[in-house]
Amino acid sequence: MDCLFCKIAAGEIPSTKVYEDDTILAFRDINPQAPTHILVIPKVHIGSVAELTEAHAALVGHIFAVIPEIAAREGLTGGFRVVSNCGPDAGQSVPHLHFHILGGKELSLEMA
């Protein structure tokens, strides 16, 4: 598979990791949209939120259990945003499920 995030998860492309375990990887976005911008991905390829099924419940639950830990380690005490774009019309540029953790400043409420 020619998926950028699968290659990052496999260690074929370097990233600035902030968290890793057997099932997920979190790393700094190379084009940050906030002072703290971290991507959290499953190591297994899932195209987007639109492809999630009940079989992915434990994996998604684990991701959402780890996100607050990452945010705390990053010092995001004033709050943070979690975003997942689904499909090209929503701005998803890499077709691999991922969650953005954004923080480190007061974030705008505007929607793109």
N, C-alpha and C. Protein backbone atom coordinates (compact mmCIF):
# COMPACT_ATOMS: atom_id res chain seq x y z
N MET A 1 0.85 -1.18 0.00
CA MET A 1 0.00 0.00 0.00
C MET A 1 0.89 1.24 0.00
N ASP A 2 0.48 2.23 -0.73
CA ASP A 2 1.26 3.45 -0.87
C ASP A 2 0.66 4.57 -0.01
N CYS A 3 0.52 4.30 1.29
CA CYS A 3 -0.10 5.24 2.21
C CYS A 3 0.99 5.92 3.05
N LEU A 4 1.01 7.23 3.03
CA LEU A 4 2.00 8.00 3.78
C LEU A 4 2.00 7.63 5.26
N PHE A 5 0.83 7.59 5.88
CA PHE A 5 0.78 7.32 7.31
C PHE A 5 1.11 5.86 7.63
N CYS A 6 0.81 4.93 6.74
CA CYS A 6 1.24 3.54 6.95
C CYS A 6 2.76 3.47 6.94
N LYS A 7 3.39 4.23 6.05
CA LYS A 7 4.85 4.25 5.98
C LYS A 7 5.45 4.89 7.23
N ILE A 8 4.81 5.93 7.74
CA ILE A 8 5.28 6.55 8.99
C ILE A 8 5.12 5.56 10.14
N ALA A 9 3.99 4.88 10.22
CA ALA A 9 3.74 3.90 11.28
C ALA A 9 4.75 2.76 11.23
N ALA A 10 5.16 2.38 10.02
CA ALA A 10 6.12 1.29 9.84
C ALA A 10 7.56 1.74 10.06
N GLY A 11 7.77 3.04 10.24
CA GLY A 11 9.13 3.55 10.44
C GLY A 11 9.89 3.77 9.15
N GLU A 12 9.21 3.67 8.01
CA GLU A 12 9.86 3.86 6.72
C GLU A 12 10.08 5.34 6.42
N ILE A 13 9.26 6.20 7.01
CA ILE A 13 9.39 7.65 6.87
C ILE A 13 9.53 8.20 8.29
N PRO A 14 10.53 9.04 8.53
CA PRO A 14 10.72 9.55 9.90
C PRO A 14 9.61 10.50 10.33
N SER A 15 9.39 10.54 11.63
CA SER A 15 8.43 11.47 12.22
C SER A 15 8.94 11.84 13.61
N THR A 16 8.38 12.90 14.14
CA THR A 16 8.71 13.31 15.51
C THR A 16 7.65 12.72 16.42
N LYS A 17 7.94 11.52 16.93
CA LYS A 17 6.97 10.79 17.74
C LYS A 17 6.81 11.42 19.11
N VAL A 18 5.56 11.45 19.57
CA VAL A 18 5.29 11.88 20.93
C VAL A 18 4.66 10.76 21.75
N TYR A 19 4.15 9.72 21.08
CA TYR A 19 3.56 8.57 21.76
C TYR A 19 3.53 7.41 20.76
N GLU A 20 3.79 6.21 21.29
CA GLU A 20 3.66 5.01 20.45
C GLU A 20 3.40 3.81 21.34
N ASP A 21 2.51 2.94 20.88
CA ASP A 21 2.32 1.64 21.51
C ASP A 21 2.09 0.63 20.38
N ASP A 22 1.59 -0.53 20.71
CA ASP A 22 1.42 -1.58 19.70
C ASP A 22 0.39 -1.24 18.63
N THR A 23 -0.57 -0.37 18.95
CA THR A 23 -1.68 -0.15 18.01
C THR A 23 -1.76 1.26 17.45
N ILE A 24 -1.17 2.25 18.12
CA ILE A 24 -1.29 3.62 17.64
C ILE A 24 0.04 4.36 17.70
N LEU A 25 0.10 5.44 16.95
CA LEU A 25 1.28 6.31 16.91
C LEU A 25 0.79 7.75 16.91
N ALA A 26 1.48 8.59 17.67
CA ALA A 26 1.19 10.03 17.66
C ALA A 26 2.48 10.76 17.35
N PHE A 27 2.39 11.73 16.45
CA PHE A 27 3.57 12.47 16.03
C PHE A 27 3.20 13.90 15.68
N ARG A 28 4.21 14.77 15.65
CA ARG A 28 3.98 16.18 15.36
C ARG A 28 3.67 16.38 13.87
N ASP A 29 2.69 17.22 13.59
CA ASP A 29 2.33 17.55 12.21
C ASP A 29 3.45 18.39 11.60
N ILE A 30 3.82 18.10 10.37
CA ILE A 30 4.90 18.86 9.72
C ILE A 30 4.43 20.22 9.23
N ASN A 31 3.12 20.46 9.22
CA ASN A 31 2.56 21.75 8.83
C ASN A 31 1.58 22.20 9.92
N PRO A 32 2.10 22.55 11.09
CA PRO A 32 1.23 22.81 12.23
C PRO A 32 0.28 23.99 12.03
N GLN A 33 -0.96 23.79 12.48
CA GLN A 33 -1.99 24.82 12.39
C GLN A 33 -2.22 25.49 13.75
N ALA A 34 -1.45 25.09 14.76
CA ALA A 34 -1.50 25.66 16.10
C ALA A 34 -0.13 25.42 16.72
N PRO A 35 0.19 26.11 17.82
CA PRO A 35 1.49 25.87 18.46
C PRO A 35 1.75 24.40 18.78
N THR A 36 0.71 23.69 19.21
CA THR A 36 0.80 22.24 19.37
C THR A 36 -0.16 21.61 18.36
N HIS A 37 0.40 20.78 17.50
CA HIS A 37 -0.42 20.09 16.48
C HIS A 37 0.15 18.69 16.32
N ILE A 38 -0.58 17.73 16.87
CA ILE A 38 -0.15 16.34 16.89
C ILE A 38 -1.19 15.51 16.15
N LEU A 39 -0.71 14.55 15.38
CA LEU A 39 -1.58 13.60 14.69
C LEU A 39 -1.53 12.27 15.42
N VAL A 40 -2.69 11.67 15.63
CA VAL A 40 -2.79 10.36 16.26
C VAL A 40 -3.39 9.41 15.23
N ILE A 41 -2.66 8.34 14.92
CA ILE A 41 -3.10 7.40 13.89
C ILE A 41 -3.11 5.97 14.42
N PRO A 42 -4.03 5.14 13.89
CA PRO A 42 -3.92 3.72 14.16
C PRO A 42 -2.81 3.15 13.26
N LYS A 43 -2.13 2.14 13.73
CA LYS A 43 -1.09 1.53 12.89
C LYS A 43 -1.69 0.68 11.77
N VAL A 44 -2.90 0.21 11.96
CA VAL A 44 -3.60 -0.52 10.91
C VAL A 44 -4.25 0.50 9.98
N HIS A 45 -4.28 0.18 8.70
CA HIS A 45 -4.85 1.13 7.74
C HIS A 45 -6.38 1.11 7.80
N ILE A 46 -6.93 2.28 8.08
CA ILE A 46 -8.37 2.55 7.99
C ILE A 46 -8.44 3.87 7.24
N GLY A 47 -9.23 3.96 6.21
CA GLY A 47 -9.22 5.13 5.35
C GLY A 47 -9.68 6.42 6.01
N SER A 48 -10.74 6.34 6.81
CA SER A 48 -11.28 7.54 7.46
C SER A 48 -12.35 7.09 8.45
N VAL A 49 -12.95 8.06 9.11
CA VAL A 49 -14.05 7.79 10.03
C VAL A 49 -15.17 7.05 9.29
N ALA A 50 -15.35 7.34 8.02
CA ALA A 50 -16.42 6.70 7.24
C ALA A 50 -16.26 5.19 7.12
N GLU A 51 -15.06 4.68 7.35
CA GLU A 51 -14.81 3.24 7.25
C GLU A 51 -14.87 2.52 8.60
N LEU A 52 -15.10 3.26 9.68
CA LEU A 52 -15.14 2.63 10.99
C LEU A 52 -16.38 1.75 11.13
N THR A 53 -16.17 0.63 11.83
CA THR A 53 -17.26 -0.29 12.14
C THR A 53 -17.20 -0.61 13.63
N GLU A 54 -18.16 -1.36 14.09
CA GLU A 54 -18.18 -1.79 15.49
C GLU A 54 -16.90 -2.56 15.84
N ALA A 55 -16.31 -3.23 14.85
CA ALA A 55 -15.07 -3.98 15.09
C ALA A 55 -13.91 -3.07 15.49
N HIS A 56 -14.00 -1.78 15.19
CA HIS A 56 -12.94 -0.82 15.53
C HIS A 56 -13.17 -0.12 16.87
N ALA A 57 -14.23 -0.50 17.58
CA ALA A 57 -14.61 0.21 18.80
C ALA A 57 -13.48 0.26 19.83
N ALA A 58 -12.82 -0.86 20.08
CA ALA A 58 -11.75 -0.88 21.09
C ALA A 58 -10.58 0.00 20.65
N LEU A 59 -10.24 -0.03 19.38
CA LEU A 59 -9.14 0.77 18.87
C LEU A 59 -9.45 2.26 19.00
N VAL A 60 -10.63 2.67 18.59
CA VAL A 60 -11.01 4.09 18.68
C VAL A 60 -11.12 4.50 20.15
N GLY A 61 -11.65 3.63 20.99
CA GLY A 61 -11.70 3.92 22.41
C GLY A 61 -10.31 4.12 22.99
N HIS A 62 -9.38 3.30 22.57
CA HIS A 62 -7.99 3.43 23.04
C HIS A 62 -7.40 4.76 22.57
N ILE A 63 -7.63 5.12 21.32
CA ILE A 63 -7.12 6.40 20.82
C ILE A 63 -7.65 7.54 21.69
N PHE A 64 -8.95 7.52 21.98
CA PHE A 64 -9.54 8.61 22.75
C PHE A 64 -9.17 8.55 24.23
N ALA A 65 -8.70 7.42 24.72
CA ALA A 65 -8.17 7.35 26.08
C ALA A 65 -6.76 7.93 26.14
N VAL A 66 -6.00 7.78 25.06
CA VAL A 66 -4.62 8.26 25.02
C VAL A 66 -4.54 9.76 24.71
N ILE A 67 -5.49 10.28 23.95
CA ILE A 67 -5.44 11.71 23.57
C ILE A 67 -5.30 12.63 24.78
N PRO A 68 -6.08 12.48 25.85
CA PRO A 68 -5.90 13.38 26.99
C PRO A 68 -4.53 13.23 27.66
N GLU A 69 -3.97 12.03 27.65
CA GLU A 69 -2.62 11.82 28.19
C GLU A 69 -1.60 12.62 27.38
N ILE A 70 -1.72 12.55 26.06
CA ILE A 70 -0.81 13.30 25.19
C ILE A 70 -0.97 14.80 25.44
N ALA A 71 -2.21 15.26 25.48
CA ALA A 71 -2.49 16.69 25.71
C ALA A 71 -1.88 17.15 27.03
N ALA A 72 -2.01 16.35 28.08
CA ALA A 72 -1.46 16.71 29.39
C ALA A 72 0.06 16.79 29.32
N ARG A 73 0.69 15.81 28.68
CA ARG A 73 2.16 15.82 28.53
C ARG A 73 2.64 17.04 27.77
N GLU A 74 1.80 17.50 26.83
CA GLU A 74 2.16 18.66 26.01
C GLU A 74 1.84 19.98 26.71
N GLY A 75 1.27 19.90 27.90
CA GLY A 75 0.98 21.11 28.67
C GLY A 75 -0.26 21.86 28.20
N LEU A 76 -1.18 21.17 27.57
CA LEU A 76 -2.39 21.82 27.06
C LEU A 76 -3.44 21.94 28.16
N THR A 77 -3.11 22.68 29.21
CA THR A 77 -3.96 22.79 30.38
C THR A 77 -5.17 23.69 30.16
N GLY A 78 -5.10 24.60 29.19
CA GLY A 78 -6.22 25.51 28.91
C GLY A 78 -7.24 24.93 27.96
N GLY A 79 -6.99 23.73 27.48
CA GLY A 79 -7.91 23.09 26.56
C GLY A 79 -7.23 22.72 25.25
N PHE A 80 -7.89 21.92 24.48
CA PHE A 80 -7.37 21.48 23.19
C PHE A 80 -8.55 21.05 22.33
N ARG A 81 -8.29 20.94 21.05
CA ARG A 81 -9.31 20.52 20.08
C ARG A 81 -8.87 19.19 19.47
N VAL A 82 -9.85 18.31 19.23
CA VAL A 82 -9.61 17.05 18.54
C VAL A 82 -10.47 17.07 17.28
N VAL A 83 -9.82 16.87 16.12
CA VAL A 83 -10.51 16.96 14.84
C VAL A 83 -10.14 15.75 13.98
N SER A 84 -11.12 15.24 13.26
CA SER A 84 -10.85 14.23 12.24
C SER A 84 -11.62 14.63 10.99
N ASN A 85 -10.90 14.96 9.94
CA ASN A 85 -11.52 15.28 8.67
C ASN A 85 -11.85 13.98 7.96
N CYS A 86 -12.99 13.94 7.30
CA CYS A 86 -13.46 12.71 6.66
C CYS A 86 -13.76 12.98 5.20
N GLY A 87 -12.82 12.62 4.33
CA GLY A 87 -13.00 12.79 2.89
C GLY A 87 -12.44 14.11 2.39
N PRO A 88 -12.22 14.19 1.09
CA PRO A 88 -11.59 15.37 0.51
C PRO A 88 -12.40 16.66 0.69
N ASP A 89 -13.72 16.59 0.66
CA ASP A 89 -14.52 17.80 0.84
C ASP A 89 -14.38 18.39 2.24
N ALA A 90 -13.96 17.56 3.20
CA ALA A 90 -13.76 18.02 4.57
C ALA A 90 -12.31 18.40 4.83
N GLY A 91 -11.45 18.25 3.83
CA GLY A 91 -10.05 18.63 3.98
C GLY A 91 -9.14 17.49 4.35
N GLN A 92 -9.60 16.25 4.25
CA GLN A 92 -8.72 15.11 4.56
C GLN A 92 -7.72 14.95 3.42
N SER A 93 -6.45 15.20 3.71
CA SER A 93 -5.42 15.15 2.67
C SER A 93 -4.68 13.82 2.62
N VAL A 94 -4.72 13.05 3.72
CA VAL A 94 -4.11 11.72 3.74
C VAL A 94 -5.22 10.72 4.05
N PRO A 95 -5.49 9.79 3.13
CA PRO A 95 -6.59 8.85 3.32
C PRO A 95 -6.25 7.71 4.29
N HIS A 96 -5.96 8.09 5.51
CA HIS A 96 -5.69 7.15 6.61
C HIS A 96 -6.30 7.83 7.83
N LEU A 97 -7.12 7.11 8.58
CA LEU A 97 -7.77 7.67 9.76
C LEU A 97 -6.74 8.36 10.65
N HIS A 98 -7.02 9.59 11.01
CA HIS A 98 -6.15 10.30 11.94
C HIS A 98 -6.93 11.38 12.67
N PHE A 99 -6.46 11.66 13.86
CA PHE A 99 -7.06 12.67 14.72
C PHE A 99 -6.02 13.73 15.00
N HIS A 100 -6.40 14.99 14.79
CA HIS A 100 -5.53 16.12 15.08
C HIS A 100 -5.77 16.55 16.52
N ILE A 101 -4.71 16.74 17.28
CA ILE A 101 -4.78 17.39 18.58
C ILE A 101 -4.20 18.78 18.37
N LEU A 102 -5.01 19.79 18.59
CA LEU A 102 -4.59 21.18 18.37
C LEU A 102 -4.72 21.97 19.67
N GLY A 103 -3.72 22.76 19.98
CA GLY A 103 -3.78 23.57 21.19
C GLY A 103 -2.57 24.47 21.32
N GLY A 104 -2.44 25.03 22.49
CA GLY A 104 -1.31 25.92 22.76
C GLY A 104 -1.64 27.39 22.56
N LYS A 105 -2.87 27.67 22.17
CA LYS A 105 -3.35 29.05 22.02
C LYS A 105 -4.88 28.99 22.01
N GLU A 106 -5.51 30.15 22.11
CA GLU A 106 -6.97 30.17 21.99
C GLU A 106 -7.30 29.94 20.52
N LEU A 107 -8.10 28.93 20.26
CA LEU A 107 -8.42 28.54 18.89
C LEU A 107 -9.69 29.24 18.42
N SER A 108 -9.71 29.60 17.17
CA SER A 108 -10.87 30.24 16.55
C SER A 108 -12.04 29.28 16.51
N LEU A 109 -13.23 29.79 16.58
CA LEU A 109 -14.44 28.98 16.45
C LEU A 109 -14.94 28.92 15.03
N GLU A 110 -14.26 29.61 14.11
CA GLU A 110 -14.68 29.61 12.71
C GLU A 110 -14.51 28.22 12.11
N MET A 111 -15.43 27.88 11.24
CA MET A 111 -15.33 26.64 10.48
C MET A 111 -14.86 26.99 9.09
N ALA A 112 -13.97 26.17 8.56
CA ALA A 112 -13.44 26.43 7.22
C ALA A 112 -14.52 26.30 6.17
